[in-house]
Amino acid sequence: MGGVVMVEIPENEDGLTALVLRTKTGVYGWLNACPHDGRRLCQDPVYLLNRKTGHMQCMHHQATFDPESGVCDDGPCEGDTLREINTIETDGQIIVLL
């Protein structure tokens, strides 16, 4: 699995960001907001991925999310899904569609 990049979302009053990551199956984008309470999953994307499982982990309640489906598989929001941010990859460039 590749690293995670945090992307600023322009013109939003809430200071929302997107998280973009690459896995073996593709590139995925997720809103950096936990469905449990709306707070950021992470402040620094370096700490988003659980090293043992490879899943994304919320810094507040340790809920874990599948990086490819965005589904919470453990924690207070189990079964809920992160909000997807559309991405495309063309000529080695990742484009985030906001």
N, C-alpha and C. Protein backbone atom coordinates (compact mmCIF):
# COMPACT_ATOMS: atom_id res chain seq x y z
N MET A 1 0.85 -1.17 0.00
CA MET A 1 0.00 0.00 0.00
C MET A 1 0.89 1.23 0.00
N GLY A 2 0.48 2.22 -0.76
CA GLY A 2 1.21 3.48 -0.82
C GLY A 2 0.87 4.37 0.36
N GLY A 3 1.37 5.58 0.31
CA GLY A 3 1.10 6.54 1.37
C GLY A 3 -0.25 7.21 1.20
N VAL A 4 -0.54 8.07 2.14
CA VAL A 4 -1.79 8.82 2.15
C VAL A 4 -1.45 10.30 2.00
N VAL A 5 -2.23 10.99 1.18
CA VAL A 5 -2.06 12.43 0.98
C VAL A 5 -3.33 13.13 1.43
N MET A 6 -3.16 14.24 2.16
CA MET A 6 -4.31 15.04 2.57
C MET A 6 -4.43 16.20 1.58
N VAL A 7 -5.64 16.40 1.07
CA VAL A 7 -5.91 17.43 0.07
C VAL A 7 -6.90 18.43 0.65
N GLU A 8 -6.56 19.71 0.58
CA GLU A 8 -7.48 20.76 1.04
C GLU A 8 -8.65 20.85 0.07
N ILE A 9 -9.84 21.04 0.61
CA ILE A 9 -11.03 21.25 -0.21
C ILE A 9 -11.30 22.75 -0.23
N PRO A 10 -11.19 23.37 -1.40
CA PRO A 10 -11.35 24.83 -1.47
C PRO A 10 -12.78 25.28 -1.17
N GLU A 11 -12.86 26.51 -0.69
CA GLU A 11 -14.14 27.19 -0.49
C GLU A 11 -15.12 26.40 0.37
N ASN A 12 -14.66 25.92 1.51
CA ASN A 12 -15.58 25.29 2.45
C ASN A 12 -15.33 25.88 3.84
N GLU A 13 -16.40 26.26 4.49
CA GLU A 13 -16.31 26.94 5.78
C GLU A 13 -15.90 26.03 6.92
N ASP A 14 -16.03 24.72 6.73
CA ASP A 14 -15.75 23.77 7.81
C ASP A 14 -14.29 23.30 7.83
N GLY A 15 -13.49 23.74 6.87
CA GLY A 15 -12.10 23.32 6.82
C GLY A 15 -11.92 21.85 6.49
N LEU A 16 -12.86 21.30 5.71
CA LEU A 16 -12.80 19.89 5.36
C LEU A 16 -11.61 19.58 4.46
N THR A 17 -11.10 18.37 4.60
CA THR A 17 -10.03 17.90 3.73
C THR A 17 -10.41 16.52 3.19
N ALA A 18 -9.71 16.12 2.15
CA ALA A 18 -9.89 14.79 1.57
C ALA A 18 -8.62 13.98 1.83
N LEU A 19 -8.78 12.68 1.94
CA LEU A 19 -7.66 11.76 2.08
C LEU A 19 -7.60 10.92 0.82
N VAL A 20 -6.44 10.89 0.18
CA VAL A 20 -6.26 10.13 -1.06
C VAL A 20 -5.16 9.10 -0.82
N LEU A 21 -5.46 7.84 -1.17
CA LEU A 21 -4.47 6.80 -0.97
C LEU A 21 -4.52 5.79 -2.10
N ARG A 22 -3.40 5.11 -2.27
CA ARG A 22 -3.29 4.08 -3.30
C ARG A 22 -3.16 2.72 -2.60
N THR A 23 -3.91 1.75 -3.11
CA THR A 23 -3.78 0.37 -2.65
C THR A 23 -3.37 -0.47 -3.85
N LYS A 24 -3.28 -1.77 -3.64
CA LYS A 24 -2.94 -2.67 -4.75
C LYS A 24 -3.99 -2.65 -5.85
N THR A 25 -5.22 -2.27 -5.51
CA THR A 25 -6.31 -2.31 -6.50
C THR A 25 -6.65 -0.96 -7.11
N GLY A 26 -6.06 0.12 -6.63
CA GLY A 26 -6.37 1.42 -7.22
C GLY A 26 -6.16 2.59 -6.29
N VAL A 27 -6.70 3.73 -6.70
CA VAL A 27 -6.60 4.97 -5.94
C VAL A 27 -7.98 5.29 -5.37
N TYR A 28 -8.01 5.68 -4.10
CA TYR A 28 -9.28 5.95 -3.41
C TYR A 28 -9.22 7.30 -2.72
N GLY A 29 -10.36 7.97 -2.68
CA GLY A 29 -10.46 9.25 -1.99
C GLY A 29 -11.62 9.22 -1.00
N TRP A 30 -11.37 9.76 0.19
CA TRP A 30 -12.38 9.77 1.25
C TRP A 30 -12.39 11.13 1.93
N LEU A 31 -13.57 11.59 2.31
CA LEU A 31 -13.67 12.80 3.11
C LEU A 31 -13.04 12.50 4.47
N ASN A 32 -12.22 13.41 4.95
CA ASN A 32 -11.53 13.22 6.22
C ASN A 32 -12.48 13.56 7.37
N ALA A 33 -13.53 12.76 7.51
CA ALA A 33 -14.54 12.96 8.56
C ALA A 33 -15.12 11.61 8.97
N CYS A 34 -15.07 11.32 10.24
CA CYS A 34 -15.61 10.06 10.76
C CYS A 34 -17.13 10.11 10.76
N PRO A 35 -17.81 9.07 10.25
CA PRO A 35 -19.27 9.08 10.26
C PRO A 35 -19.85 9.00 11.68
N HIS A 36 -19.03 8.65 12.66
CA HIS A 36 -19.49 8.56 14.05
C HIS A 36 -19.86 9.93 14.60
N ASP A 37 -18.96 10.92 14.44
CA ASP A 37 -19.26 12.24 15.00
C ASP A 37 -18.81 13.41 14.12
N GLY A 38 -18.31 13.12 12.92
CA GLY A 38 -17.96 14.18 11.98
C GLY A 38 -16.58 14.78 12.16
N ARG A 39 -15.88 14.41 13.22
CA ARG A 39 -14.52 14.95 13.41
C ARG A 39 -13.56 14.28 12.44
N ARG A 40 -12.42 14.95 12.21
CA ARG A 40 -11.42 14.41 11.30
C ARG A 40 -10.95 13.02 11.75
N LEU A 41 -10.72 12.16 10.76
CA LEU A 41 -10.10 10.87 11.05
C LEU A 41 -8.67 11.08 11.53
N CYS A 42 -7.99 12.05 10.90
CA CYS A 42 -6.60 12.31 11.25
C CYS A 42 -6.27 13.78 11.01
N GLN A 43 -5.28 14.26 11.75
CA GLN A 43 -4.73 15.59 11.52
C GLN A 43 -3.52 15.50 10.60
N ASP A 44 -2.83 14.36 10.67
CA ASP A 44 -1.63 14.12 9.87
C ASP A 44 -1.78 12.74 9.21
N PRO A 45 -1.82 12.67 7.88
CA PRO A 45 -2.07 11.40 7.21
C PRO A 45 -1.00 10.34 7.45
N VAL A 46 0.15 10.73 7.97
CA VAL A 46 1.20 9.76 8.29
C VAL A 46 0.69 8.74 9.30
N TYR A 47 -0.24 9.18 10.16
CA TYR A 47 -0.73 8.31 11.24
C TYR A 47 -2.08 7.68 10.94
N LEU A 48 -2.59 7.80 9.73
CA LEU A 48 -3.93 7.29 9.41
C LEU A 48 -4.00 5.78 9.34
N LEU A 49 -3.02 5.15 8.73
CA LEU A 49 -3.08 3.71 8.49
C LEU A 49 -2.54 2.92 9.67
N ASN A 50 -3.31 1.92 10.10
CA ASN A 50 -2.87 1.01 11.14
C ASN A 50 -1.80 0.10 10.53
N ARG A 51 -0.64 0.06 11.10
CA ARG A 51 0.48 -0.69 10.52
C ARG A 51 0.24 -2.20 10.49
N LYS A 52 -0.53 -2.71 11.42
CA LYS A 52 -0.78 -4.16 11.47
C LYS A 52 -1.84 -4.59 10.46
N THR A 53 -2.91 -3.81 10.33
CA THR A 53 -4.04 -4.22 9.49
C THR A 53 -4.07 -3.54 8.13
N GLY A 54 -3.41 -2.38 8.01
CA GLY A 54 -3.48 -1.62 6.77
C GLY A 54 -4.76 -0.81 6.64
N HIS A 55 -5.63 -0.88 7.65
CA HIS A 55 -6.88 -0.13 7.61
C HIS A 55 -6.68 1.29 8.15
N MET A 56 -7.54 2.19 7.71
CA MET A 56 -7.53 3.55 8.22
C MET A 56 -8.12 3.54 9.63
N GLN A 57 -7.55 4.35 10.53
CA GLN A 57 -8.01 4.34 11.91
C GLN A 57 -8.27 5.76 12.39
N CYS A 58 -9.47 5.98 12.93
CA CYS A 58 -9.86 7.29 13.46
C CYS A 58 -9.04 7.60 14.71
N MET A 59 -8.51 8.80 14.77
CA MET A 59 -7.67 9.18 15.91
C MET A 59 -8.47 9.40 17.19
N HIS A 60 -9.78 9.55 17.10
CA HIS A 60 -10.59 9.87 18.29
C HIS A 60 -11.12 8.63 19.00
N HIS A 61 -11.70 7.70 18.26
CA HIS A 61 -12.32 6.54 18.89
C HIS A 61 -11.76 5.22 18.35
N GLN A 62 -10.70 5.30 17.56
CA GLN A 62 -10.01 4.13 17.01
C GLN A 62 -10.89 3.26 16.13
N ALA A 63 -11.97 3.81 15.59
CA ALA A 63 -12.76 3.08 14.60
C ALA A 63 -11.86 2.79 13.40
N THR A 64 -12.01 1.62 12.80
CA THR A 64 -11.18 1.28 11.64
C THR A 64 -12.04 1.14 10.39
N PHE A 65 -11.46 1.52 9.26
CA PHE A 65 -12.16 1.57 7.98
C PHE A 65 -11.35 0.87 6.91
N ASP A 66 -12.02 0.08 6.09
CA ASP A 66 -11.37 -0.54 4.95
C ASP A 66 -10.97 0.56 3.97
N PRO A 67 -9.70 0.61 3.54
CA PRO A 67 -9.26 1.70 2.68
C PRO A 67 -9.84 1.66 1.27
N GLU A 68 -10.39 0.52 0.84
CA GLU A 68 -10.94 0.41 -0.50
C GLU A 68 -12.45 0.61 -0.55
N SER A 69 -13.15 0.21 0.50
CA SER A 69 -14.61 0.36 0.51
C SER A 69 -15.07 1.52 1.38
N GLY A 70 -14.22 1.95 2.32
CA GLY A 70 -14.60 3.01 3.25
C GLY A 70 -15.52 2.55 4.37
N VAL A 71 -15.81 1.26 4.44
CA VAL A 71 -16.73 0.72 5.44
C VAL A 71 -16.00 0.57 6.78
N CYS A 72 -16.66 1.02 7.84
CA CYS A 72 -16.14 0.84 9.19
C CYS A 72 -16.34 -0.61 9.59
N ASP A 73 -15.23 -1.29 9.92
CA ASP A 73 -15.34 -2.70 10.30
C ASP A 73 -15.17 -2.92 11.80
N ASP A 74 -14.88 -1.85 12.54
CA ASP A 74 -14.78 -1.97 13.99
C ASP A 74 -14.85 -0.58 14.61
N GLY A 75 -15.63 -0.45 15.66
CA GLY A 75 -15.73 0.82 16.37
C GLY A 75 -17.16 1.29 16.49
N PRO A 76 -17.36 2.50 17.01
CA PRO A 76 -18.71 3.00 17.30
C PRO A 76 -19.58 3.23 16.07
N CYS A 77 -18.97 3.28 14.90
CA CYS A 77 -19.77 3.49 13.68
C CYS A 77 -19.72 2.26 12.77
N GLU A 78 -19.53 1.08 13.35
CA GLU A 78 -19.41 -0.16 12.58
C GLU A 78 -20.55 -0.29 11.58
N GLY A 79 -20.18 -0.56 10.32
CA GLY A 79 -21.16 -0.71 9.25
C GLY A 79 -21.40 0.57 8.46
N ASP A 80 -21.06 1.72 9.04
CA ASP A 80 -21.19 2.99 8.32
C ASP A 80 -20.05 3.13 7.33
N THR A 81 -20.21 4.04 6.37
CA THR A 81 -19.22 4.22 5.32
C THR A 81 -18.75 5.66 5.27
N LEU A 82 -17.45 5.82 5.01
CA LEU A 82 -16.90 7.16 4.79
C LEU A 82 -17.49 7.73 3.50
N ARG A 83 -17.54 9.05 3.42
CA ARG A 83 -18.03 9.70 2.20
C ARG A 83 -16.91 9.70 1.16
N GLU A 84 -17.23 9.14 0.00
CA GLU A 84 -16.24 8.99 -1.07
C GLU A 84 -15.97 10.32 -1.77
N ILE A 85 -14.71 10.53 -2.10
CA ILE A 85 -14.28 11.65 -2.94
C ILE A 85 -13.78 11.02 -4.24
N ASN A 86 -14.36 11.39 -5.36
CA ASN A 86 -14.00 10.78 -6.64
C ASN A 86 -12.58 11.17 -7.06
N THR A 87 -11.87 10.17 -7.55
CA THR A 87 -10.52 10.37 -8.06
C THR A 87 -10.40 9.65 -9.39
N ILE A 88 -9.52 10.14 -10.23
CA ILE A 88 -9.16 9.43 -11.46
C ILE A 88 -7.65 9.51 -11.60
N GLU A 89 -7.10 8.51 -12.25
CA GLU A 89 -5.66 8.51 -12.51
C GLU A 89 -5.46 8.49 -14.01
N THR A 90 -4.67 9.42 -14.49
CA THR A 90 -4.39 9.50 -15.92
C THR A 90 -2.92 9.89 -16.11
N ASP A 91 -2.22 9.13 -16.92
CA ASP A 91 -0.81 9.38 -17.19
C ASP A 91 0.02 9.54 -15.92
N GLY A 92 -0.27 8.70 -14.91
CA GLY A 92 0.48 8.74 -13.67
C GLY A 92 0.11 9.86 -12.72
N GLN A 93 -0.85 10.69 -13.09
CA GLN A 93 -1.31 11.79 -12.25
C GLN A 93 -2.64 11.41 -11.60
N ILE A 94 -2.79 11.72 -10.33
CA ILE A 94 -4.06 11.49 -9.63
C ILE A 94 -4.80 12.81 -9.57
N ILE A 95 -6.04 12.78 -10.04
CA ILE A 95 -6.87 13.98 -10.05
C ILE A 95 -8.02 13.76 -9.08
N VAL A 96 -8.20 14.71 -8.17
CA VAL A 96 -9.28 14.66 -7.19
C VAL A 96 -10.42 15.51 -7.73
N LEU A 97 -11.60 14.91 -7.87
CA LEU A 97 -12.76 15.60 -8.43
C LEU A 97 -13.64 16.08 -7.29
N LEU A 98 -13.60 17.38 -7.05
CA LEU A 98 -14.37 17.95 -5.94
C LEU A 98 -15.64 18.58 -6.44
